[in-house]
PDB file of N, CA and C in Angstrom:
ATOM      1  N   MET A   1      84.539  96.514  76.784  1.00  0.00           N
ATOM      2  CA  MET A   1      84.634  96.098  78.085  1.00  0.00           C
ATOM      3  C   MET A   1      84.926  94.677  78.359  1.00  0.00           C
ATOM      4  N   ASP A   2      85.587  94.700  79.159  1.00  0.00           N
ATOM      5  CA  ASP A   2      85.621  93.095  79.782  1.00  0.00           C
ATOM      6  C   ASP A   2      85.328  92.854  80.675  1.00  0.00           C
ATOM      7  N   VAL A   3      85.050  91.301  80.679  1.00  0.00           N
ATOM      8  CA  VAL A   3      84.040  90.902  81.441  1.00  0.00           C
ATOM      9  C   VAL A   3      84.240  91.245  83.564  1.00  0.00           C
ATOM     10  N   PHE A   4      85.571  91.403  83.282  1.00  0.00           N
ATOM     11  CA  PHE A   4      86.248  92.388  85.178  1.00  0.00           C
ATOM     12  C   PHE A   4      85.562  93.431  84.699  1.00  0.00           C
ATOM     13  N   THR A   5      85.880  94.190  84.408  1.00  0.00           N
ATOM     14  CA  THR A   5      85.827  95.715  84.237  1.00  0.00           C
ATOM     15  C   THR A   5      84.019  95.335  84.260  1.00  0.00           C
ATOM     16  N   TYR A   6      83.385  94.601  83.584  1.00  0.00           N
ATOM     17  CA  TYR A   6      82.128  94.532  84.100  1.00  0.00           C
ATOM     18  C   TYR A   6      81.705  94.244  85.516  1.00  0.00           C
ATOM     19  N   LEU A   7      81.760  93.568  86.014  1.00  0.00           N
ATOM     20  CA  LEU A   7      81.952  92.908  87.268  1.00  0.00           C
ATOM     21  C   LEU A   7      82.558  94.196  88.405  1.00  0.00           C
ATOM     22  N   HIS A   8      83.302  94.693  88.531  1.00  0.00           N
ATOM     23  CA  HIS A   8      84.141  95.474  88.842  1.00  0.00           C
ATOM     24  C   HIS A   8      82.982  97.038  88.893  1.00  0.00           C
ATOM     25  N   GLN A   9      82.208  97.287  88.017  1.00  0.00           N
ATOM     26  CA  GLN A   9      81.749  98.020  87.533  1.00  0.00           C
ATOM     27  C   GLN A   9      79.766  97.868  88.187  1.00  0.00           C
ATOM     28  N   SER A  10      80.024  96.825  88.665  1.00  0.00           N
ATOM     29  CA  SER A  10      78.761  96.403  89.078  1.00  0.00           C
ATOM     30  C   SER A  10      78.710  96.098  90.980  1.00  0.00           C
ATOM     31  N   ASP A  11      79.930  96.456  90.972  1.00  0.00           N
ATOM     32  CA  ASP A  11      80.286  96.030  92.724  1.00  0.00           C
ATOM     33  C   ASP A  11      80.753  94.758  93.083  1.00  0.00           C
ATOM     34  N   VAL A  12      80.536  93.771  92.455  1.00  0.00           N
ATOM     35  CA  VAL A  12      81.020  92.073  92.131  1.00  0.00           C
ATOM     36  C   VAL A  12      82.142  91.622  92.945  1.00  0.00           C
ATOM     37  N   CYS A  13      82.797  90.652  93.665  1.00  0.00           N
ATOM     38  CA  CYS A  13      83.957  91.001  94.004  1.00  0.00           C
ATOM     39  C   CYS A  13      83.935  89.398  93.955  1.00  0.00           C
ATOM     40  N   ILE A  14      84.820  88.241  92.991  1.00  0.00           N
ATOM     41  CA  ILE A  14      84.763  87.367  92.403  1.00  0.00           C
ATOM     42  C   ILE A  14      86.359  87.188  92.983  1.00  0.00           C
ATOM     43  N   GLN A  15      85.972  86.078  94.604  1.00  0.00           N
ATOM     44  CA  GLN A  15      87.404  85.242  94.531  1.00  0.00           C
ATOM     45  C   GLN A  15      87.268  83.632  94.904  1.00  0.00           C
ATOM     46  N   ASN A  16      86.539  83.242  94.096  1.00  0.00           N
ATOM     47  CA  ASN A  16      86.560  81.958  93.703  1.00  0.00           C
ATOM     48  C   ASN A  16      87.888  81.560  92.278  1.00  0.00           C
ATOM     49  N   PRO A  17      88.836  80.872  92.798  1.00  0.00           N
ATOM     50  CA  PRO A  17      89.916  80.921  91.391  1.00  0.00           C
ATOM     51  C   PRO A  17      89.115  80.374  90.786  1.00  0.00           C
ATOM     52  N   VAL A  18      88.201  79.337  90.872  1.00  0.00           N
ATOM     53  CA  VAL A  18      87.821  78.336  89.359  1.00  0.00           C
ATOM     54  C   VAL A  18      86.703  79.534  88.057  1.00  0.00           C
ATOM     55  N   VAL A  19      86.294  79.987  89.135  1.00  0.00           N
ATOM     56  CA  VAL A  19      86.027  81.245  88.569  1.00  0.00           C
ATOM     57  C   VAL A  19      85.890  82.100  87.929  1.00  0.00           C
ATOM     58  N   ILE A  20      87.248  82.295  88.409  1.00  0.00           N
ATOM     59  CA  ILE A  20      87.863  83.455  87.871  1.00  0.00           C
ATOM     60  C   ILE A  20      88.703  82.759  86.503  1.00  0.00           C
ATOM     61  N   TYR A  21      89.238  81.876  86.797  1.00  0.00           N
ATOM     62  CA  TYR A  21      90.070  80.978  85.776  1.00  0.00           C
ATOM     63  C   TYR A  21      88.981  80.657  84.241  1.00  0.00           C
ATOM     64  N   GLN A  22      87.926  80.191  84.935  1.00  0.00           N
ATOM     65  CA  GLN A  22      87.133  80.046  83.824  1.00  0.00           C
ATOM     66  C   GLN A  22      86.377  81.233  82.896  1.00  0.00           C
ATOM     67  N   LEU A  23      85.858  82.274  83.992  1.00  0.00           N
ATOM     68  CA  LEU A  23      85.767  83.084  83.474  1.00  0.00           C
ATOM     69  C   LEU A  23      86.422  84.220  82.310  1.00  0.00           C
ATOM     70  N   ASN A  24      88.179  84.014  82.294  1.00  0.00           N
ATOM     71  CA  ASN A  24      89.442  84.608  81.561  1.00  0.00           C
ATOM     72  C   ASN A  24      88.940  83.709  80.202  1.00  0.00           C
ATOM     73  N   ARG A  25      89.090  82.558  80.596  1.00  0.00           N
ATOM     74  CA  ARG A  25      88.811  81.433  79.016  1.00  0.00           C
ATOM     75  C   ARG A  25      88.035  81.848  78.461  1.00  0.00           C
ATOM     76  N   LEU A  26      86.656  82.056  79.382  1.00  0.00           N
ATOM     77  CA  LEU A  26      85.972  82.281  78.486  1.00  0.00           C
ATOM     78  C   LEU A  26      85.748  83.662  77.247  1.00  0.00           C
ATOM     79  N   GLN A  27      86.444  84.726  78.526  1.00  0.00           N
ATOM     80  CA  GLN A  27      86.912  85.914  77.623  1.00  0.00           C
ATOM     81  C   GLN A  27      88.186  85.639  76.188  1.00  0.00           C
ATOM     82  N   ASN A  28      88.970  85.585  76.561  1.00  0.00           N
ATOM     83  CA  ASN A  28      89.909  85.184  75.738  1.00  0.00           C
ATOM     84  C   ASN A  28      89.858  83.795  74.169  1.00  0.00           C
ATOM     85  N   ASN A  29      88.378  83.665  74.083  1.00  0.00           N
ATOM     86  CA  ASN A  29      87.732  82.532  73.684  1.00  0.00           C
ATOM     87  C   ASN A  29      88.882  81.089  73.421  1.00  0.00           C
ATOM     88  N   GLU A  30      89.137  80.872  75.203  1.00  0.00           N
ATOM     89  CA  GLU A  30      90.111  79.636  74.953  1.00  0.00           C
ATOM     90  C   GLU A  30      88.981  78.339  74.427  1.00  0.00           C
ATOM     91  N   ILE A  31      87.752  78.458  75.128  1.00  0.00           N
ATOM     92  CA  ILE A  31      86.516  77.621  75.675  1.00  0.00           C
ATOM     93  C   ILE A  31      85.200  78.213  75.472  1.00  0.00           C
ATOM     94  N   LYS A  32      85.080  77.196  75.164  1.00  0.00           N
ATOM     95  CA  LYS A  32      83.252  77.606  74.668  1.00  0.00           C
ATOM     96  C   LYS A  32      82.700  77.582  75.790  1.00  0.00           C
ATOM     97  N   LEU A  33      81.593  78.337  75.531  1.00  0.00           N
ATOM     98  CA  LEU A  33      80.288  78.462  76.777  1.00  0.00           C
ATOM     99  C   LEU A  33      79.295  76.751  77.009  1.00  0.00           C
ATOM    100  N   ASP A  34      79.137  76.104  75.893  1.00  0.00           N
ATOM    101  CA  ASP A  34      78.891  74.791  75.851  1.00  0.00           C
ATOM    102  C   ASP A  34      79.973  73.762  76.463  1.00  0.00           C
ATOM    103  N   SER A  35      80.842  73.683  76.233  1.00  0.00           N
ATOM    104  CA  SER A  35      82.088  73.083  77.772  1.00  0.00           C
ATOM    105  C   SER A  35      81.673  73.288  78.962  1.00  0.00           C
ATOM    106  N   ILE A  36      81.713  74.317  79.792  1.00  0.00           N
ATOM    107  CA  ILE A  36      82.038  74.834  80.939  1.00  0.00           C
ATOM    108  C   ILE A  36      80.207  74.211  81.157  1.00  0.00           C
ATOM    109  N   LYS A  37      78.974  74.677  80.502  1.00  0.00           N
ATOM    110  CA  LYS A  37      77.678  73.489  80.556  1.00  0.00           C
ATOM    111  C   LYS A  37      77.429  71.938  80.830  1.00  0.00           C
ATOM    112  N   LYS A  38      78.659  71.758  80.032  1.00  0.00           N
ATOM    113  CA  LYS A  38      78.870  69.270  79.488  1.00  0.00           C
ATOM    114  C   LYS A  38      79.474  69.674  81.128  1.00  0.00           C
ATOM    115  N   ALA A  39      80.695  70.004  81.335  1.00  0.00           N
ATOM    116  CA  ALA A  39      81.467  69.915  82.749  1.00  0.00           C
ATOM    117  C   ALA A  39      80.035  70.183  84.065  1.00  0.00           C
ATOM    118  N   ALA A  40      79.962  71.527  83.961  1.00  0.00           N
ATOM    119  CA  ALA A  40      79.328  71.595  85.077  1.00  0.00           C
ATOM    120  C   ALA A  40      77.917  69.949  85.376  1.00  0.00           C
ATOM    121  N   TYR A  41      77.618  69.939  84.395  1.00  0.00           N
ATOM    122  CA  TYR A  41      76.403  69.264  84.213  1.00  0.00           C
ATOM    123  C   TYR A  41      77.157  67.143  84.521  1.00  0.00           C
ATOM    124  N   ARG A  42      78.389  67.265  84.019  1.00  0.00           N
ATOM    125  CA  ARG A  42      79.082  66.046  84.826  1.00  0.00           C
ATOM    126  C   ARG A  42      79.945  66.283  86.349  1.00  0.00           C
ATOM    127  N   ALA A  43      80.474  67.275  86.662  1.00  0.00           N
ATOM    128  CA  ALA A  43      80.469  67.959  87.845  1.00  0.00           C
ATOM    129  C   ALA A  43      80.143  66.640  89.127  1.00  0.00           C
ATOM    130  N   THR A  44      80.737  65.776  90.291  1.00  0.00           N
ATOM    131  CA  THR A  44      80.002  64.998  91.090  1.00  0.00           C
ATOM    132  C   THR A  44      81.074  66.213  91.969  1.00  0.00           C
ATOM    133  N   ASP A  45      81.138  66.798  92.255  1.00  0.00           N
ATOM    134  CA  ASP A  45      81.844  67.706  93.558  1.00  0.00           C
ATOM    135  C   ASP A  45      80.957  68.876  93.535  1.00  0.00           C
ATOM    136  N   LYS A  46      80.021  69.688  94.393  1.00  0.00           N
ATOM    137  CA  LYS A  46      79.324  70.575  95.023  1.00  0.00           C
ATOM    138  C   LYS A  46      80.348  71.572  94.250  1.00  0.00           C
ATOM    139  N   LYS A  47      81.240  71.430  95.231  1.00  0.00           N
ATOM    140  CA  LYS A  47      81.930  72.684  94.748  1.00  0.00           C
ATOM    141  C   LYS A  47      82.102  73.589  93.537  1.00  0.00           C
ATOM    142  N   LEU A  48      82.875  71.910  93.235  1.00  0.00           N
ATOM    143  CA  LEU A  48      82.876  72.899  91.326  1.00  0.00           C
ATOM    144  C   LEU A  48      82.028  72.778  90.830  1.00  0.00           C
ATOM    145  N   LYS A  49      80.837  72.246  90.887  1.00  0.00           N
ATOM    146  CA  LYS A  49      79.205  72.512  90.108  1.00  0.00           C
ATOM    147  C   LYS A  49      79.064  73.980  90.288  1.00  0.00           C
ATOM    148  N   ASN A  50      78.744  74.252  91.877  1.00  0.00           N
ATOM    149  CA  ASN A  50      78.813  75.284  91.726  1.00  0.00           C
ATOM    150  C   ASN A  50      79.335  77.078  91.410  1.00  0.00           C
ATOM    151  N   ALA A  51      80.343  76.220  91.311  1.00  0.00           N
ATOM    152  CA  ALA A  51      81.608  76.959  90.616  1.00  0.00           C
ATOM    153  C   ALA A  51      81.379  77.544  88.914  1.00  0.00           C
ATOM    154  N   LEU A  52      81.169  76.319  88.437  1.00  0.00           N
ATOM    155  CA  LEU A  52      80.680  76.402  87.264  1.00  0.00           C
ATOM    156  C   LEU A  52      79.645  76.938  86.495  1.00  0.00           C
ATOM    157  N   GLU A  53      78.276  76.373  87.001  1.00  0.00           N
ATOM    158  CA  GLU A  53      77.293  77.220  87.343  1.00  0.00           C
ATOM    159  C   GLU A  53      77.205  79.105  87.718  1.00  0.00           C
ATOM    160  N   LEU A  54      77.276  79.166  88.768  1.00  0.00           N
ATOM    161  CA  LEU A  54      78.552  80.700  88.879  1.00  0.00           C
ATOM    162  C   LEU A  54      78.933  81.451  87.813  1.00  0.00           C
ATOM    163  N   THR A  55      80.134  80.470  86.944  1.00  0.00           N
ATOM    164  CA  THR A  55      80.440  81.269  86.028  1.00  0.00           C
ATOM    165  C   THR A  55      79.780  81.169  85.112  1.00  0.00           C
ATOM    166  N   LEU A  56      78.809  80.582  84.370  1.00  0.00           N
ATOM    167  CA  LEU A  56      78.311  80.758  83.245  1.00  0.00           C
ATOM    168  C   LEU A  56      76.542  81.444  83.525  1.00  0.00           C
ATOM    169  N   ALA A  57      76.320  81.542  84.817  1.00  0.00           N
ATOM    170  CA  ALA A  57      75.653  82.372  84.964  1.00  0.00           C
ATOM    171  C   ALA A  57      76.200  84.119  85.359  1.00  0.00           C
ATOM    172  N   ILE A  58      77.311  83.803  84.931  1.00  0.00           N
ATOM    173  CA  ILE A  58      77.601  85.519  85.376  1.00  0.00           C
ATOM    174  C   ILE A  58      78.240  85.949  83.536  1.00  0.00           C
ATOM    175  N   PHE A  59      78.621  85.017  83.051  1.00  0.00           N
ATOM    176  CA  PHE A  59      78.868  85.320  81.878  1.00  0.00           C
ATOM    177  C   PHE A  59      78.030  85.831  81.098  1.00  0.00           C
ATOM    178  N   GLN A  60      77.065  85.219  81.114  1.00  0.00           N
ATOM    179  CA  GLN A  60      75.505  84.605  80.253  1.00  0.00           C
ATOM    180  C   GLN A  60      74.970  86.338  80.830  1.00  0.00           C
ATOM    181  N   LYS A  61      75.379  86.666  81.778  1.00  0.00           N
ATOM    182  CA  LYS A  61      74.418  88.662  82.335  1.00  0.00           C
ATOM    183  C   LYS A  61      75.798  89.095  81.363  1.00  0.00           C
ATOM    184  N   PHE A  62      76.749  89.184  81.340  1.00  0.00           N
ATOM    185  CA  PHE A  62      77.821  89.564  80.923  1.00  0.00           C
ATOM    186  C   PHE A  62      77.599  89.316  78.958  1.00  0.00           C
ATOM    187  N   GLN A  63      77.352  89.037  78.336  1.00  0.00           N
ATOM    188  CA  GLN A  63      76.482  88.726  77.051  1.00  0.00           C
ATOM    189  C   GLN A  63      75.256  89.309  77.062  1.00  0.00           C
ATOM    190  N   LYS A  64      74.640  89.705  77.753  1.00  0.00           N
ATOM    191  CA  LYS A  64      73.571  89.929  77.880  1.00  0.00           C
ATOM    192  C   LYS A  64      73.644  92.199  77.529  1.00  0.00           C
ATOM    193  N   PHE A  65      74.554  91.585  78.783  1.00  0.00           N
ATOM    194  CA  PHE A  65      75.006  93.190  78.594  1.00  0.00           C
ATOM    195  C   PHE A  65      75.009  93.841  77.712  1.00  0.00           C
ATOM    196  N   GLN A  66      76.341  93.245  77.126  1.00  0.00           N
ATOM    197  CA  GLN A  66      77.303  93.666  76.139  1.00  0.00           C
ATOM    198  C   GLN A  66      76.114  93.921  74.366  1.00  0.00           C
ATOM    199  N   GLN A  67      74.967  93.371  74.463  1.00  0.00           N
ATOM    200  CA  GLN A  67      74.273  93.269  73.483  1.00  0.00           C
ATOM    201  C   GLN A  67      72.768  94.803  73.377  1.00  0.00           C
ATOM    202  N   GLN A  68      73.495  95.224  74.611  1.00  0.00           N
ATOM    203  CA  GLN A  68      72.224  96.512  75.012  1.00  0.00           C
ATOM    204  C   GLN A  68      72.953  97.395  74.175  1.00  0.00           C
TER     205      GLN A  68
END
């Protein structure tokens, strides 16, 4: 199961293009979770920071779901 199927089954609709893009990159192993953590920490724009933090939260929740 991929992260987008997980979100769909959880009745979650993501409309933020930054979140969708970053989730796709994480899923395809194009970027590491640590890179997003660092980017969120360094972000000066509040909207970007929130989008990156949301991406982290979603992907970490998805990883926990996969481990069950």
